[in-house]
Amino acid sequence: ASGLPIAAFPVTGPIDIVSPGVTGILDEDLARAAMAAMGLDR
């Protein structure tokens, strides 16, 4: 709601709420997810 992209593991909760590549990045490599999420449209 604050326009903030999500970086998370692909587990229950994030996989139900986050649209990959739109509202966040889900990846077992959390650092890679965090860096990729910075480019998403707030």
PDB file of all heavy atoms in Angstrom:
ATOM      1  N   ALA A   1       0.840  -1.205   0.000  1.00  0.00           N
ATOM      2  CA  ALA A   1       0.000   0.000   0.000  1.00  0.00           C
ATOM      3  C   ALA A   1       0.874   1.255   0.000  1.00  0.00           C
ATOM      4  O   ALA A   1       0.466   2.308  -0.504  1.00  0.00           O
ATOM      5  CB  ALA A   1      -0.936   0.006   1.201  1.00  0.00           C
ATOM      6  N   SER A   2       2.079   1.145   0.538  1.00  0.00           N
ATOM      7  CA  SER A   2       3.031   2.258   0.565  1.00  0.00           C
ATOM      8  C   SER A   2       3.846   2.336  -0.721  1.00  0.00           C
ATOM      9  O   SER A   2       4.748   3.177  -0.833  1.00  0.00           O
ATOM     10  CB  SER A   2       3.971   2.099   1.761  1.00  0.00           C
ATOM     11  OG  SER A   2       3.246   1.951   2.975  1.00  0.00           O
ATOM     12  N   GLY A   3       3.541   1.460  -1.684  1.00  0.00           N
ATOM     13  CA  GLY A   3       4.282   1.436  -2.940  1.00  0.00           C
ATOM     14  C   GLY A   3       5.618   0.742  -2.843  1.00  0.00           C
ATOM     15  O   GLY A   3       6.485   0.913  -3.701  1.00  0.00           O
ATOM     16  N   LEU A   4       5.798  -0.071  -1.804  1.00  0.00           N
ATOM     17  CA  LEU A   4       7.101  -0.671  -1.518  1.00  0.00           C
ATOM     18  C   LEU A   4       7.161  -2.099  -2.078  1.00  0.00           C
ATOM     19  O   LEU A   4       6.321  -2.940  -1.739  1.00  0.00           O
ATOM     20  CB  LEU A   4       7.314  -0.694  -0.003  1.00  0.00           C
ATOM     21  CG  LEU A   4       8.718  -0.902   0.547  1.00  0.00           C
ATOM     22  CD1 LEU A   4       9.673   0.144   0.015  1.00  0.00           C
ATOM     23  CD2 LEU A   4       8.672  -0.853   2.075  1.00  0.00           C
ATOM     24  N   PRO A   5       8.123  -2.398  -2.940  1.00  0.00           N
ATOM     25  CA  PRO A   5       8.239  -3.753  -3.483  1.00  0.00           C
ATOM     26  C   PRO A   5       8.711  -4.738  -2.429  1.00  0.00           C
ATOM     27  O   PRO A   5       9.410  -4.374  -1.480  1.00  0.00           O
ATOM     28  CB  PRO A   5       9.275  -3.600  -4.601  1.00  0.00           C
ATOM     29  CG  PRO A   5      10.098  -2.421  -4.191  1.00  0.00           C
ATOM     30  CD  PRO A   5       9.152  -1.489  -3.482  1.00  0.00           C
ATOM     31  N   ILE A   6       8.327  -6.009  -2.611  1.00  0.00           N
ATOM     32  CA  ILE A   6       8.612  -7.056  -1.643  1.00  0.00           C
ATOM     33  C   ILE A   6       9.733  -7.948  -2.145  1.00  0.00           C
ATOM     34  O   ILE A   6       9.772  -8.309  -3.323  1.00  0.00           O
ATOM     35  CB  ILE A   6       7.361  -7.935  -1.402  1.00  0.00           C
ATOM     36  CG1 ILE A   6       6.128  -7.081  -1.077  1.00  0.00           C
ATOM     37  CG2 ILE A   6       7.628  -8.970  -0.321  1.00  0.00           C
ATOM     38  CD1 ILE A   6       6.230  -6.303   0.193  1.00  0.00           C
ATOM     39  N   ALA A   7      10.621  -8.334  -1.235  1.00  0.00           N
ATOM     40  CA  ALA A   7      11.592  -9.397  -1.485  1.00  0.00           C
ATOM     41  C   ALA A   7      11.356 -10.469  -0.428  1.00  0.00           C
ATOM     42  O   ALA A   7      11.386 -10.182   0.767  1.00  0.00           O
ATOM     43  CB  ALA A   7      13.024  -8.875  -1.397  1.00  0.00           C
ATOM     44  N   ALA A   8      11.088 -11.699  -0.883  1.00  0.00           N
ATOM     45  CA  ALA A   8      10.745 -12.752   0.068  1.00  0.00           C
ATOM     46  C   ALA A   8      11.074 -14.113  -0.509  1.00  0.00           C
ATOM     47  O   ALA A   8      11.352 -14.266  -1.706  1.00  0.00           O
ATOM     48  CB  ALA A   8       9.255 -12.681   0.421  1.00  0.00           C
ATOM     49  N   PHE A   9      11.032 -15.120   0.359  1.00  0.00           N
ATOM     50  CA  PHE A   9      11.175 -16.495  -0.090  1.00  0.00           C
ATOM     51  C   PHE A   9       9.847 -16.958  -0.705  1.00  0.00           C
ATOM     52  O   PHE A   9       8.781 -16.455  -0.337  1.00  0.00           O
ATOM     53  CB  PHE A   9      11.542 -17.404   1.085  1.00  0.00           C
ATOM     54  CG  PHE A   9      12.903 -17.133   1.676  1.00  0.00           C
ATOM     55  CD1 PHE A   9      13.027 -16.673   2.982  1.00  0.00           C
ATOM     56  CD2 PHE A   9      14.048 -17.358   0.931  1.00  0.00           C
ATOM     57  CE1 PHE A   9      14.277 -16.435   3.541  1.00  0.00           C
ATOM     58  CE2 PHE A   9      15.309 -17.116   1.475  1.00  0.00           C
ATOM     59  CZ  PHE A   9      15.424 -16.652   2.775  1.00  0.00           C
ATOM     60  N   PRO A  10       9.873 -17.929  -1.613  1.00  0.00           N
ATOM     61  CA  PRO A  10       8.636 -18.418  -2.221  1.00  0.00           C
ATOM     62  C   PRO A  10       7.926 -19.433  -1.317  1.00  0.00           C
ATOM     63  O   PRO A  10       7.937 -20.646  -1.554  1.00  0.00           O
ATOM     64  CB  PRO A  10       9.132 -19.072  -3.520  1.00  0.00           C
ATOM     65  CG  PRO A  10      10.523 -19.500  -3.214  1.00  0.00           C
ATOM     66  CD  PRO A  10      11.084 -18.478  -2.266  1.00  0.00           C
ATOM     67  N   VAL A  11       7.304 -18.913  -0.255  1.00  0.00           N
ATOM     68  CA  VAL A  11       6.648 -19.750   0.746  1.00  0.00           C
ATOM     69  C   VAL A  11       5.255 -19.209   1.016  1.00  0.00           C
ATOM     70  O   VAL A  11       4.868 -18.139   0.523  1.00  0.00           O
ATOM     71  CB  VAL A  11       7.475 -19.781   2.062  1.00  0.00           C
ATOM     72  CG1 VAL A  11       8.828 -20.443   1.845  1.00  0.00           C
ATOM     73  CG2 VAL A  11       7.662 -18.363   2.620  1.00  0.00           C
ATOM     74  N   THR A  12       4.470 -19.961   1.804  1.00  0.00           N
ATOM     75  CA  THR A  12       3.120 -19.527   2.179  1.00  0.00           C
ATOM     76  C   THR A  12       3.153 -18.111   2.723  1.00  0.00           C
ATOM     77  O   THR A  12       4.000 -17.752   3.529  1.00  0.00           O
ATOM     78  CB  THR A  12       2.534 -20.482   3.237  1.00  0.00           C
ATOM     79  OG1 THR A  12       2.286 -21.757   2.627  1.00  0.00           O
ATOM     80  CG2 THR A  12       1.230 -19.949   3.789  1.00  0.00           C
ATOM     81  N   GLY A  13       2.192 -17.332   2.323  1.00  0.00           N
ATOM     82  CA  GLY A  13       2.147 -15.904   2.647  1.00  0.00           C
ATOM     83  C   GLY A  13       2.581 -15.125   1.432  1.00  0.00           C
ATOM     84  O   GLY A  13       1.730 -14.664   0.659  1.00  0.00           O
ATOM     85  N   PRO A  14       3.882 -14.995   1.191  1.00  0.00           N
ATOM     86  CA  PRO A  14       4.343 -14.287  -0.006  1.00  0.00           C
ATOM     87  C   PRO A  14       3.802 -14.857  -1.320  1.00  0.00           C
ATOM     88  O   PRO A  14       3.407 -14.103  -2.209  1.00  0.00           O
ATOM     89  CB  PRO A  14       5.867 -14.418   0.083  1.00  0.00           C
ATOM     90  CG  PRO A  14       6.140 -14.488   1.544  1.00  0.00           C
ATOM     91  CD  PRO A  14       4.996 -15.284   2.118  1.00  0.00           C
ATOM     92  N   ILE A  15       3.749 -16.194  -1.459  1.00  0.00           N
ATOM     93  CA  ILE A  15       3.289 -16.742  -2.738  1.00  0.00           C
ATOM     94  C   ILE A  15       1.807 -16.485  -2.961  1.00  0.00           C
ATOM     95  O   ILE A  15       1.325 -16.545  -4.101  1.00  0.00           O
ATOM     96  CB  ILE A  15       3.588 -18.257  -2.877  1.00  0.00           C
ATOM     97  CG1 ILE A  15       2.815 -19.068  -1.828  1.00  0.00           C
ATOM     98  CG2 ILE A  15       5.074 -18.526  -2.794  1.00  0.00           C
ATOM     99  CD1 ILE A  15       2.949 -20.575  -2.016  1.00  0.00           C
ATOM    100  N   ASP A  16       1.075 -16.187  -1.891  1.00  0.00           N
ATOM    101  CA  ASP A  16      -0.355 -15.915  -2.016  1.00  0.00           C
ATOM    102  C   ASP A  16      -0.649 -14.435  -2.213  1.00  0.00           C
ATOM    103  O   ASP A  16      -1.725 -14.081  -2.702  1.00  0.00           O
ATOM    104  CB  ASP A  16      -1.084 -16.403  -0.753  1.00  0.00           C
ATOM    105  CG  ASP A  16      -0.911 -17.886  -0.524  1.00  0.00           C
ATOM    106  OD1 ASP A  16      -1.628 -18.672  -1.147  1.00  0.00           O
ATOM    107  OD2 ASP A  16      -0.043 -18.259   0.291  1.00  0.00           O
ATOM    108  N   ILE A  17       0.264 -13.571  -1.810  1.00  0.00           N
ATOM    109  CA  ILE A  17       0.018 -12.128  -1.812  1.00  0.00           C
ATOM    110  C   ILE A  17       0.808 -11.408  -2.898  1.00  0.00           C
ATOM    111  O   ILE A  17       0.299 -10.487  -3.545  1.00  0.00           O
ATOM    112  CB  ILE A  17       0.379 -11.538  -0.426  1.00  0.00           C
ATOM    113  CG1 ILE A  17      -0.475 -12.182   0.668  1.00  0.00           C
ATOM    114  CG2 ILE A  17       0.214 -10.022  -0.426  1.00  0.00           C
ATOM    115  CD1 ILE A  17      -0.019 -11.853   2.068  1.00  0.00           C
ATOM    116  N   VAL A  18       2.046 -11.813  -3.105  1.00  0.00           N
ATOM    117  CA  VAL A  18       2.945 -11.109  -4.018  1.00  0.00           C
ATOM    118  C   VAL A  18       2.754 -11.608  -5.452  1.00  0.00           C
ATOM    119  O   VAL A  18       2.747 -12.815  -5.701  1.00  0.00           O
ATOM    120  CB  VAL A  18       4.405 -11.298  -3.582  1.00  0.00           C
ATOM    121  CG1 VAL A  18       5.358 -10.642  -4.574  1.00  0.00           C
ATOM    122  CG2 VAL A  18       4.615 -10.729  -2.181  1.00  0.00           C
ATOM    123  N   SER A  19       2.603 -10.679  -6.381  1.00  0.00           N
ATOM    124  CA  SER A  19       2.587 -11.005  -7.807  1.00  0.00           C
ATOM    125  C   SER A  19       4.028 -10.885  -8.308  1.00  0.00           C
ATOM    126  O   SER A  19       4.558  -9.769  -8.410  1.00  0.00           O
ATOM    127  CB  SER A  19       1.684 -10.042  -8.575  1.00  0.00           C
ATOM    128  OG  SER A  19       0.349 -10.148  -8.125  1.00  0.00           O
ATOM    129  N   PRO A  20       4.688 -12.014  -8.614  1.00  0.00           N
ATOM    130  CA  PRO A  20       6.106 -11.966  -8.997  1.00  0.00           C
ATOM    131  C   PRO A  20       6.346 -11.063 -10.203  1.00  0.00           C
ATOM    132  O   PRO A  20       5.638 -11.126 -11.204  1.00  0.00           O
ATOM    133  CB  PRO A  20       6.421 -13.429  -9.330  1.00  0.00           C
ATOM    134  CG  PRO A  20       5.435 -14.217  -8.530  1.00  0.00           C
ATOM    135  CD  PRO A  20       4.186 -13.399  -8.540  1.00  0.00           C
ATOM    136  N   GLY A  21       7.334 -10.188 -10.073  1.00  0.00           N
ATOM    137  CA  GLY A  21       7.669  -9.262 -11.142  1.00  0.00           C
ATOM    138  C   GLY A  21       6.785  -8.037 -11.202  1.00  0.00           C
ATOM    139  O   GLY A  21       7.040  -7.125 -11.991  1.00  0.00           O
ATOM    140  N   VAL A  22       5.753  -8.004 -10.365  1.00  0.00           N
ATOM    141  CA  VAL A  22       4.847  -6.846 -10.327  1.00  0.00           C
ATOM    142  C   VAL A  22       4.917  -6.161  -8.971  1.00  0.00           C
ATOM    143  O   VAL A  22       5.244  -4.980  -8.864  1.00  0.00           O
ATOM    144  CB  VAL A  22       3.392  -7.260 -10.644  1.00  0.00           C
ATOM    145  CG1 VAL A  22       2.461  -6.046 -10.567  1.00  0.00           C
ATOM    146  CG2 VAL A  22       3.300  -7.912 -12.009  1.00  0.00           C
ATOM    147  N   THR A  23       4.598  -6.905  -7.909  1.00  0.00           N
ATOM    148  CA  THR A  23       4.636  -6.314  -6.567  1.00  0.00           C
ATOM    149  C   THR A  23       5.859  -6.772  -5.772  1.00  0.00           C
ATOM    150  O   THR A  23       6.090  -6.279  -4.670  1.00  0.00           O
ATOM    151  CB  THR A  23       3.363  -6.664  -5.778  1.00  0.00           C
ATOM    152  OG1 THR A  23       3.252  -8.093  -5.671  1.00  0.00           O
ATOM    153  CG2 THR A  23       2.137  -6.105  -6.477  1.00  0.00           C
ATOM    154  N   GLY A  24       6.603  -7.708  -6.307  1.00  0.00           N
ATOM    155  CA  GLY A  24       7.788  -8.161  -5.592  1.00  0.00           C
ATOM    156  C   GLY A  24       8.509  -9.266  -6.336  1.00  0.00           C
ATOM    157  O   GLY A  24       8.096  -9.686  -7.418  1.00  0.00           O
ATOM    158  N   ILE A  25       9.573  -9.737  -5.718  1.00  0.00           N
ATOM    159  CA  ILE A  25      10.386 -10.825  -6.263  1.00  0.00           C
ATOM    160  C   ILE A  25      10.489 -11.913  -5.194  1.00  0.00           C
ATOM    161  O   ILE A  25      10.858 -11.632  -4.051  1.00  0.00           O
ATOM    162  CB  ILE A  25      11.796 -10.355  -6.655  1.00  0.00           C
ATOM    163  CG1 ILE A  25      11.720  -9.189  -7.649  1.00  0.00           C
ATOM    164  CG2 ILE A  25      12.599 -11.507  -7.223  1.00  0.00           C
ATOM    165  CD1 ILE A  25      11.127  -9.540  -8.998  1.00  0.00           C
ATOM    166  N   LEU A  26      10.155 -13.140  -5.594  1.00  0.00           N
ATOM    167  CA  LEU A  26      10.264 -14.288  -4.694  1.00  0.00           C
ATOM    168  C   LEU A  26      11.407 -15.164  -5.178  1.00  0.00           C
ATOM    169  O   LEU A  26      11.423 -15.582  -6.335  1.00  0.00           O
ATOM    170  CB  LEU A  26       8.949 -15.076  -4.671  1.00  0.00           C
ATOM    171  CG  LEU A  26       7.681 -14.277  -4.338  1.00  0.00           C
ATOM    172  CD1 LEU A  26       6.465 -15.201  -4.340  1.00  0.00           C
ATOM    173  CD2 LEU A  26       7.822 -13.569  -2.996  1.00  0.00           C
ATOM    174  N   ASP A  27      12.342 -15.442  -4.272  1.00  0.00           N
ATOM    175  CA  ASP A  27      13.538 -16.184  -4.691  1.00  0.00           C
ATOM    176  C   ASP A  27      14.177 -16.793  -3.447  1.00  0.00           C
ATOM    177  O   ASP A  27      14.167 -16.181  -2.366  1.00  0.00           O
ATOM    178  CB  ASP A  27      14.535 -15.234  -5.374  1.00  0.00           C
ATOM    179  CG  ASP A  27      15.580 -15.958  -6.207  1.00  0.00           C
ATOM    180  OD1 ASP A  27      16.113 -16.983  -5.741  1.00  0.00           O
ATOM    181  OD2 ASP A  27      15.887 -15.494  -7.323  1.00  0.00           O
ATOM    182  N   GLU A  28      14.729 -17.996  -3.588  1.00  0.00           N
ATOM    183  CA  GLU A  28      15.474 -18.594  -2.483  1.00  0.00           C
ATOM    184  C   GLU A  28      16.756 -17.815  -2.201  1.00  0.00           C
ATOM    185  O   GLU A  28      17.318 -17.907  -1.109  1.00  0.00           O
ATOM    186  CB  GLU A  28      15.792 -20.058  -2.789  1.00  0.00           C
ATOM    187  CG  GLU A  28      14.594 -20.989  -2.668  1.00  0.00           C
ATOM    188  CD  GLU A  28      14.059 -21.070  -1.245  1.00  0.00           C
ATOM    189  OE1 GLU A  28      14.835 -20.830  -0.294  1.00  0.00           O
ATOM    190  OE2 GLU A  28      12.858 -21.366  -1.088  1.00  0.00           O
ATOM    191  N   ASP A  29      17.228 -17.046  -3.162  1.00  0.00           N
ATOM    192  CA  ASP A  29      18.343 -16.128  -2.960  1.00  0.00           C
ATOM    193  C   ASP A  29      17.741 -14.768  -2.595  1.00  0.00           C
ATOM    194  O   ASP A  29      17.337 -13.990  -3.460  1.00  0.00           O
ATOM    195  CB  ASP A  29      19.179 -16.021  -4.229  1.00  0.00           C
ATOM    196  CG  ASP A  29      20.443 -15.179  -4.032  1.00  0.00           C
ATOM    197  OD1 ASP A  29      20.428 -14.264  -3.190  1.00  0.00           O
ATOM    198  OD2 ASP A  29      21.429 -15.420  -4.745  1.00  0.00           O
ATOM    199  N   LEU A  30      17.666 -14.484  -1.294  1.00  0.00           N
ATOM    200  CA  LEU A  30      16.963 -13.297  -0.826  1.00  0.00           C
ATOM    201  C   LEU A  30      17.667 -12.008  -1.249  1.00  0.00           C
ATOM    202  O   LEU A  30      17.006 -10.993  -1.506  1.00  0.00           O
ATOM    203  CB  LEU A  30      16.817 -13.356   0.703  1.00  0.00           C
ATOM    204  CG  LEU A  30      15.745 -12.474   1.338  1.00  0.00           C
ATOM    205  CD1 LEU A  30      14.372 -12.737   0.734  1.00  0.00           C
ATOM    206  CD2 LEU A  30      15.712 -12.690   2.849  1.00  0.00           C
ATOM    207  N   ALA A  31      18.998 -12.027  -1.339  1.00  0.00           N
ATOM    208  CA  ALA A  31      19.729 -10.839  -1.792  1.00  0.00           C
ATOM    209  C   ALA A  31      19.401 -10.534  -3.247  1.00  0.00           C
ATOM    210  O   ALA A  31      19.190  -9.372  -3.622  1.00  0.00           O
ATOM    211  CB  ALA A  31      21.229 -11.039  -1.611  1.00  0.00           C
ATOM    212  N   ARG A  32      19.345 -11.579  -4.070  1.00  0.00           N
ATOM    213  CA  ARG A  32      18.995 -11.379  -5.478  1.00  0.00           C
ATOM    214  C   ARG A  32      17.575 -10.833  -5.600  1.00  0.00           C
ATOM    215  O   ARG A  32      17.300  -9.948  -6.411  1.00  0.00           O
ATOM    216  CB  ARG A  32      19.130 -12.698  -6.229  1.00  0.00           C
ATOM    217  CG  ARG A  32      18.849 -12.598  -7.728  1.00  0.00           C
ATOM    218  CD  ARG A  32      19.324 -13.839  -8.433  1.00  0.00           C
ATOM    219  NE  ARG A  32      18.681 -15.047  -7.925  1.00  0.00           N
ATOM    220  CZ  ARG A  32      19.133 -16.284  -8.149  1.00  0.00           C
ATOM    221  NH1 ARG A  32      20.234 -16.468  -8.841  1.00  0.00           N
ATOM    222  NH2 ARG A  32      18.487 -17.337  -7.662  1.00  0.00           N
ATOM    223  N   ALA A  33      16.664 -11.337  -4.769  1.00  0.00           N
ATOM    224  CA  ALA A  33      15.284 -10.845  -4.783  1.00  0.00           C
ATOM    225  C   ALA A  33      15.235  -9.370  -4.390  1.00  0.00           C
ATOM    226  O   ALA A  33      14.515  -8.570  -5.011  1.00  0.00           O
ATOM    227  CB  ALA A  33      14.427 -11.670  -3.832  1.00  0.00           C
ATOM    228  N   ALA A  34      15.994  -9.000  -3.366  1.00  0.00           N
ATOM    229  CA  ALA A  34      15.978  -7.613  -2.896  1.00  0.00           C
ATOM    230  C   ALA A  34      16.506  -6.653  -3.953  1.00  0.00           C
ATOM    231  O   ALA A  34      15.935  -5.572  -4.165  1.00  0.00           O
ATOM    232  CB  ALA A  34      16.802  -7.498  -1.612  1.00  0.00           C
ATOM    233  N   MET A  35      17.564  -7.025  -4.626  1.00  0.00           N
ATOM    234  CA  MET A  35      18.130  -6.148  -5.650  1.00  0.00           C
ATOM    235  C   MET A  35      17.208  -6.038  -6.861  1.00  0.00           C
ATOM    236  O   MET A  35      17.007  -4.952  -7.412  1.00  0.00           O
ATOM    237  CB  MET A  35      19.508  -6.658  -6.072  1.00  0.00           C
ATOM    238  CG  MET A  35      20.567  -6.597  -4.964  1.00  0.00           C
ATOM    239  SD  MET A  35      20.787  -4.925  -4.287  1.00  0.00           S
ATOM    240  CE  MET A  35      21.410  -4.051  -5.736  1.00  0.00           C
ATOM    241  N   ALA A  36      16.606  -7.144  -7.262  1.00  0.00           N
ATOM    242  CA  ALA A  36      15.702  -7.117  -8.414  1.00  0.00           C
ATOM    243  C   ALA A  36      14.433  -6.337  -8.111  1.00  0.00           C
ATOM    244  O   ALA A  36      13.862  -5.676  -8.991  1.00  0.00           O
ATOM    245  CB  ALA A  36      15.356  -8.542  -8.833  1.00  0.00           C
ATOM    246  N   ALA A  37      13.982  -6.385  -6.860  1.00  0.00           N
ATOM    247  CA  ALA A  37      12.741  -5.700  -6.494  1.00  0.00           C
ATOM    248  C   ALA A  37      12.857  -4.187  -6.614  1.00  0.00           C
ATOM    249  O   ALA A  37      11.852  -3.490  -6.809  1.00  0.00           O
ATOM    250  CB  ALA A  37      12.347  -6.083  -5.068  1.00  0.00           C
ATOM    251  N   MET A  38      14.064  -3.656  -6.515  1.00  0.00           N
ATOM    252  CA  MET A  38      14.241  -2.207  -6.564  1.00  0.00           C
ATOM    253  C   MET A  38      13.776  -1.602  -7.890  1.00  0.00           C
ATOM    254  O   MET A  38      13.433  -0.422  -7.952  1.00  0.00           O
ATOM    255  CB  MET A  38      15.720  -1.847  -6.336  1.00  0.00           C
ATOM    256  CG  MET A  38      16.205  -2.143  -4.937  1.00  0.00           C
ATOM    257  SD  MET A  38      17.916  -1.615  -4.663  1.00  0.00           S
ATOM    258  CE  MET A  38      17.749   0.157  -4.735  1.00  0.00           C
ATOM    259  N   GLY A  39      13.724  -2.406  -8.934  1.00  0.00           N
ATOM    260  CA  GLY A  39      13.344  -1.875 -10.236  1.00  0.00           C
ATOM    261  C   GLY A  39      11.859  -1.919 -10.533  1.00  0.00           C
ATOM    262  O   GLY A  39      11.444  -1.528 -11.641  1.00  0.00           O
ATOM    263  N   LEU A  40      11.041  -2.369  -9.605  1.00  0.00           N
ATOM    264  CA  LEU A  40       9.609  -2.514  -9.859  1.00  0.00           C
ATOM    265  C   LEU A  40       8.870  -1.184  -9.756  1.00  0.00           C
ATOM    266  O   LEU A  40       9.307  -0.254  -9.059  1.00  0.00           O
ATOM    267  CB  LEU A  40       9.006  -3.533  -8.888  1.00  0.00           C
ATOM    268  CG  LEU A  40       9.583  -4.956  -9.006  1.00  0.00           C
ATOM    269  CD1 LEU A  40       8.916  -5.880  -7.995  1.00  0.00           C
ATOM    270  CD2 LEU A  40       9.420  -5.504 -10.418  1.00  0.00           C
ATOM    271  N   ASP A  41       7.739  -1.099 -10.444  1.00  0.00           N
ATOM    272  CA  ASP A  41       6.927   0.118 -10.527  1.00  0.00           C
ATOM    273  C   ASP A  41       6.103   0.295  -9.256  1.00  0.00           C
ATOM    274  O   ASP A  41       5.180  -0.480  -8.975  1.00  0.00           O
ATOM    275  CB  ASP A  41       6.002   0.019 -11.745  1.00  0.00           C
ATOM    276  CG  ASP A  41       5.210   1.294 -11.999  1.00  0.00           C
ATOM    277  OD1 ASP A  41       4.994   2.068 -11.042  1.00  0.00           O
ATOM    278  OD2 ASP A  41       4.789   1.498 -13.150  1.00  0.00           O
ATOM    279  N   ARG A  42       6.414   1.334  -8.485  1.00  0.00           N
ATOM    280  CA  ARG A  42       5.742   1.534  -7.196  1.00  0.00           C
ATOM    281  C   ARG A  42       4.262   1.889  -7.367  1.00  0.00           C
ATOM    282  O   ARG A  42       3.442   1.584  -6.491  1.00  0.00           O
ATOM    283  CB  ARG A  42       6.485   2.599  -6.387  1.00  0.00           C
ATOM    284  CG  ARG A  42       7.892   2.152  -6.004  1.00  0.00           C
ATOM    285  CD  ARG A  42       8.655   3.226  -5.248  1.00  0.00           C
ATOM    286  NE  ARG A  42       8.175   3.385  -3.892  1.00  0.00           N
ATOM    287  CZ  ARG A  42       8.926   3.213  -2.810  1.00  0.00           C
ATOM    288  NH1 ARG A  42      10.181   2.829  -2.931  1.00  0.00           N
ATOM    289  NH2 ARG A  42       8.432   3.406  -1.613  1.00  0.00           N
TER     290      ARG A  42
END
